[in-house]
Protein backbone atom coordinates (compact mmCIF):
# COMPACT_ATOMS: atom_id res chain seq x y z
CA MET A 1 -0.23 -0.37 -0.02
CA GLY A 2 1.57 3.46 -1.12
CA ILE A 3 1.59 6.11 1.32
CA GLU A 4 -0.92 8.37 -0.95
CA GLU A 5 -3.29 5.56 -0.57
CA SER A 6 -2.33 5.09 3.21
CA ASN A 7 -3.06 8.62 3.99
CA LEU A 8 -6.56 8.68 2.63
CA GLU A 9 -7.27 5.38 5.00
CA GLY A 10 -5.49 7.05 7.93
CA LYS A 11 -7.75 9.55 7.80
CA LEU A 12 -10.74 7.61 7.55
CA LEU A 13 -9.56 5.90 10.62
CA MET A 14 -9.38 9.37 12.75
CA GLN A 15 -12.92 9.14 12.64
CA ILE A 16 -14.05 7.82 16.04
CA THR A 17 -17.60 8.39 17.66
CA GLY A 18 -18.41 10.98 14.86
CA ARG A 19 -15.87 13.50 15.61
CA LYS A 20 -12.05 13.90 14.06
CA MET A 21 -9.85 12.62 16.46
CA ILE A 22 -7.15 15.75 17.66
CA ASN A 23 -3.25 14.16 17.63
CA LEU A 24 -0.24 15.33 18.51
CA ALA A 25 3.02 14.35 17.57
CA ILE A 26 6.04 15.37 20.15
CA ILE A 27 9.76 14.64 19.17
CA THR A 28 11.66 15.09 21.96
CA ALA A 29 15.42 16.62 21.90
CA ARG A 30 16.94 17.63 24.28
CA SER A 31 20.64 18.84 23.88
CA GLY A 32 23.48 18.16 26.33
CA SER A 33 23.92 14.47 24.72
CA LYS A 34 27.11 13.17 26.50
CA GLY A 35 27.50 9.68 24.20
CA VAL A 36 27.36 11.59 21.17
CA ILE A 37 27.88 15.45 21.50
CA ASP A 38 24.86 17.28 19.82
CA LYS A 39 23.19 14.18 18.83
CA ASN A 40 19.74 14.93 17.77
CA ILE A 41 20.78 17.84 15.50
CA ARG A 42 24.49 15.73 14.24
CA LEU A 43 24.26 15.44 10.29
CA LEU A 44 22.67 12.33 9.16
CA HIS A 45 23.14 11.99 5.40
CA GLY A 46 23.18 16.01 4.64
CA LYS A 47 20.58 16.59 7.31
CA PRO A 48 19.77 16.78 11.46
CA LEU A 49 18.65 14.03 12.84
CA LEU A 50 15.60 15.21 14.13
CA ALA A 51 14.64 15.87 10.46
CA TYR A 52 13.75 12.67 10.00
CA SER A 53 11.06 12.26 12.48
CA ILE A 54 9.69 15.80 11.66
CA GLU A 55 9.43 14.95 8.08
CA ALA A 56 8.04 11.45 8.77
CA ALA A 57 5.18 12.90 10.81
CA LEU A 58 4.28 15.78 8.50
CA GLU A 59 4.48 13.18 5.72
CA SER A 60 1.89 10.84 7.62
CA LYS A 61 -0.94 13.69 7.73
CA MET A 62 -1.86 12.36 11.25
CA PHE A 63 -1.07 15.14 13.30
CA GLU A 64 -2.89 18.66 14.43
CA GLU A 65 0.31 19.73 15.23
CA VAL A 66 3.94 18.38 14.95
CA LEU A 67 6.00 20.10 17.77
CA VAL A 68 9.48 19.38 19.01
CA SER A 69 10.16 19.76 23.29
CA THR A 70 13.85 20.89 23.26
CA ASP A 71 15.62 22.61 25.73
CA SER A 72 18.07 24.87 22.90
CA GLU A 73 16.87 27.68 21.01
CA LYS A 74 19.67 26.68 18.15
CA TYR A 75 17.57 22.91 18.08
CA ALA A 76 14.50 25.19 17.94
CA GLU A 77 15.81 26.83 14.93
CA ILE A 78 16.82 24.11 13.27
CA ALA A 79 13.42 22.05 13.94
CA LYS A 80 11.34 25.17 12.71
CA GLU A 81 13.13 24.65 9.05
CA TYR A 82 11.89 21.56 8.73
CA GLY A 83 8.42 22.52 9.25
CA ALA A 84 8.06 21.41 12.99
CA SER A 85 6.52 24.06 15.50
CA VAL A 86 8.28 24.86 18.98
CA PRO A 87 5.85 27.29 20.87
CA PHE A 88 8.00 27.25 24.09
CA LEU A 89 11.01 25.58 25.18
CA ARG A 90 11.30 22.81 27.50
CA SER A 91 11.83 24.07 31.47
CA GLU A 92 15.06 23.28 33.25
CA GLU A 93 13.42 21.07 35.30
CA ASN A 94 12.33 18.70 32.24
CA SER A 95 16.41 19.45 30.99
CA GLY A 96 18.23 17.01 33.13
CA ASP A 97 20.29 13.66 32.55
CA ASP A 98 17.71 11.87 34.47
CA ILE A 99 14.71 13.10 32.94
CA SER A 100 12.67 10.68 30.66
CA SER A 101 10.76 11.82 27.22
CA TRP A 102 7.52 11.00 29.30
CA ASP A 103 8.28 13.60 31.66
CA ALA A 104 8.77 15.95 28.43
CA VAL A 105 5.74 14.97 26.97
CA ARG A 106 3.41 15.30 30.13
CA GLU A 107 5.06 19.04 30.54
CA VAL A 108 3.87 19.64 27.08
CA LEU A 109 0.24 18.51 27.26
CA LYS A 110 0.29 20.43 30.76
CA THR A 111 1.11 23.61 29.24
CA TYR A 112 -1.13 23.33 26.46
CA GLY A 113 -4.27 22.11 29.13
CA GLU A 114 -3.07 25.72 30.69
CA LEU A 115 -3.97 27.33 27.25
CA GLY A 116 -7.26 25.20 26.91
CA LYS A 117 -5.97 23.42 23.78
CA LYS A 118 -6.62 19.18 24.53
CA PHE A 119 -5.03 16.41 22.34
CA ASP A 120 -6.93 13.06 21.87
CA THR A 121 -3.48 10.77 21.33
CA VAL A 122 -0.05 11.75 21.26
CA ALA A 123 2.60 10.16 19.38
CA LEU A 124 6.19 10.52 20.92
CA LEU A 125 8.52 10.21 18.15
CA GLN A 126 12.11 10.08 19.22
CA PRO A 127 14.29 11.71 16.90
CA THR A 128 17.03 8.81 17.36
CA SER A 129 14.91 6.52 15.18
CA PRO A 130 15.76 7.75 11.55
CA LEU A 131 14.36 4.76 9.85
CA ARG A 132 10.88 5.25 11.05
CA GLU A 133 8.55 6.58 7.52
CA ALA A 134 5.26 8.35 7.65
CA GLU A 135 3.71 4.42 6.83
CA ASP A 136 4.95 3.42 10.11
CA ILE A 137 3.03 6.30 12.13
CA ILE A 138 0.12 5.40 9.89
CA ASN A 139 -0.23 1.94 10.61
CA GLY A 140 0.18 2.46 14.51
CA TYR A 141 -2.96 5.04 14.13
CA ARG A 142 -4.42 1.96 12.13
CA LEU A 143 -3.93 -0.02 14.66
CA LEU A 144 -4.94 1.70 17.34
CA HIS A 145 -8.40 1.99 15.38
CA GLU A 146 -8.67 -1.74 14.78
CA LYS A 147 -7.94 -2.98 18.42
CA ASN A 148 -9.79 -0.15 20.02
CA ALA A 149 -6.45 0.06 21.86
CA ASP A 150 -5.44 2.80 24.48
CA SER A 151 -1.64 2.75 23.30
CA VAL A 152 0.61 1.41 20.68
CA ILE A 153 4.14 0.86 20.92
CA GLY A 154 6.65 -0.25 18.09
CA VAL A 155 8.59 -3.78 18.61
CA CYS A 156 11.12 -5.60 16.11
CA GLU A 157 11.92 -9.26 16.31
CA VAL A 158 15.47 -9.30 18.65
CA GLU A 159 18.68 -9.85 16.56
CA HIS A 160 19.36 -12.55 19.06
CA SER A 161 17.15 -14.66 21.47
CA PRO A 162 17.24 -14.21 24.64
CA LEU A 163 17.21 -17.72 25.27
CA PHE A 164 20.92 -17.42 24.46
CA CYS A 165 21.63 -15.20 27.23
CA ASN A 166 22.86 -16.24 30.79
CA LEU A 167 24.81 -14.20 33.66
CA ILE A 168 28.27 -15.57 33.93
CA GLY A 169 30.25 -16.39 36.79
CA GLU A 170 33.40 -15.29 38.08
CA ASP A 171 34.76 -18.34 37.23
CA LEU A 172 33.54 -18.12 33.35
CA SER A 173 32.16 -21.59 33.46
CA LEU A 174 28.99 -22.31 31.24
CA GLN A 175 27.77 -25.13 32.73
CA GLY A 176 23.93 -24.63 32.38
CA PHE A 177 24.53 -21.53 30.34
CA VAL A 178 21.88 -22.71 27.44
CA ARG A 179 19.28 -25.15 28.44
CA SER A 180 19.98 -28.54 26.66
CA ASP A 181 16.71 -28.75 24.89
CA LEU A 182 17.96 -25.37 23.19
CA TYR A 183 20.90 -25.52 21.66
CA THR A 184 20.23 -28.71 19.40
CA LYS A 185 17.32 -26.77 17.60
CA PRO A 186 17.60 -25.31 14.90
CA ARG A 187 17.22 -21.30 15.00
CA GLN A 188 14.11 -21.84 13.09
CA LYS A 189 12.72 -23.70 15.52
CA LEU A 190 12.62 -21.28 18.37
CA PRO A 191 10.23 -18.81 19.44
CA LYS A 192 10.08 -15.20 18.55
CA TYR A 193 10.88 -12.66 20.88
CA TYR A 194 10.61 -9.01 20.31
CA ARG A 195 11.84 -5.96 21.89
CA VAL A 196 10.51 -2.20 22.41
CA ASN A 197 12.18 -0.70 18.95
CA GLY A 198 11.76 3.55 20.59
CA ALA A 199 10.63 4.42 16.90
CA LEU A 200 6.79 4.24 17.66
CA TYR A 201 4.77 5.37 20.97
CA ILE A 202 1.36 6.19 20.40
CA VAL A 203 -0.80 6.99 23.60
CA LYS A 204 -4.70 8.16 24.10
CA THR A 205 -4.64 11.04 26.47
CA ARG A 206 -6.91 11.21 29.50
CA GLY A 207 -8.06 14.84 28.92
CA ASN A 208 -5.28 16.70 30.55
CA ALA A 209 -1.85 16.63 31.39
CA ASP A 210 -1.58 13.02 31.62
CA ILE A 211 -1.56 10.02 29.17
CA VAL A 212 -2.80 6.12 29.76
CA THR A 213 -0.93 3.28 31.37
CA LEU A 214 1.44 1.45 29.26
CA TYR A 215 2.26 -2.33 28.77
CA ASP A 216 -1.39 -3.29 29.84
CA SER A 217 -4.18 -5.01 28.42
CA ARG A 218 -5.25 -2.24 26.25
CA CYS A 219 -1.94 -1.82 24.86
CA TYR A 220 -0.69 -3.15 21.29
CA ALA A 221 2.68 -4.03 19.45
CA CYS A 222 3.10 -2.21 15.98
CA VAL A 223 5.92 -4.87 14.67
CA MET A 224 7.95 -2.95 12.55
CA PRO A 225 11.03 -4.82 10.27
CA ARG A 226 14.51 -4.28 12.00
CA GLU A 227 15.79 -2.34 9.06
CA LYS A 228 13.66 0.71 10.72
CA SER A 229 14.43 0.32 14.30
CA VAL A 230 17.91 1.49 14.34
CA ASP A 231 18.04 3.30 17.58
CA ILE A 232 20.97 5.90 17.75
CA ASP A 233 22.61 5.88 20.83
CA SER A 234 26.64 5.67 19.72
CA MET A 235 28.38 6.64 16.73
CA LEU A 236 28.38 3.23 15.70
CA ASP A 237 24.49 3.30 15.50
CA PHE A 238 24.82 5.97 13.91
CA ARG A 239 27.12 4.66 11.26
CA LEU A 240 24.81 1.96 10.81
CA ALA A 241 21.94 4.58 10.14
CA GLU A 242 24.01 5.96 7.55
CA ILE A 243 24.54 2.50 6.15
CA MET A 244 20.92 2.02 6.03
CA LEU A 245 19.95 5.28 4.06
CA GLU A 246 22.15 4.73 1.72
CA GLU A 247 20.66 1.37 0.46
CA LYS A 248 17.01 2.94 0.64
CA ILE A 249 18.23 5.93 -1.43
CA THR A 250 20.26 3.80 -3.76
CA LYS A 251 16.94 1.09 -3.86
CA LYS A 252 14.79 4.26 -5.06
CA LYS A 253 16.80 5.40 -7.81
């Protein structure tokens, strides 16, 4: 299904109880990254990292507003250049190393609530997932509607089965490290495990500054391919994303 066709369906999916759902995309782009300096605006294949999430959100046409939550004037200007809104900067209280993306989301909802503006859903699109595309966001909202879900979270199949992971003692012995009934099985016979990929979180709001609870019976997995699930946290991740983007661009030529 192409993006144009998906967008038409996506608009229909926003019709719930006879009214259009009002959706907000929040791209969290705090400055001060220690692992990779200025990670969120570092150039990836010629564009700032956060630009990829902005463009995917805008292309999906699922949102009333695409907002970047940042504590930096410089980041804010770059975000605006790519079409995002930055109506206010993140507070100092929510800009520290120990602050989660959800703290930033709640701050945005609270600020808008004080202004009398409310949203039905919030999509947290972390800029560290540049390979996520508009169709993935559309698929997430489609799933939200089909399952009548409260939340949808992007996942992908794990690269290596956790069944082959265990603790190692100081003596480095591997006795009992892997169950004997597992290491004789072909990989294809093992159960599939999935991980949260960090690329997509869609949650319904409670009509104020809060969101619904995640990982409960009304939370569903939006399964994404591993090639879209690179989560940039290091220079190695950056290099991997560059390779994946290059391959994607080459295929389109």
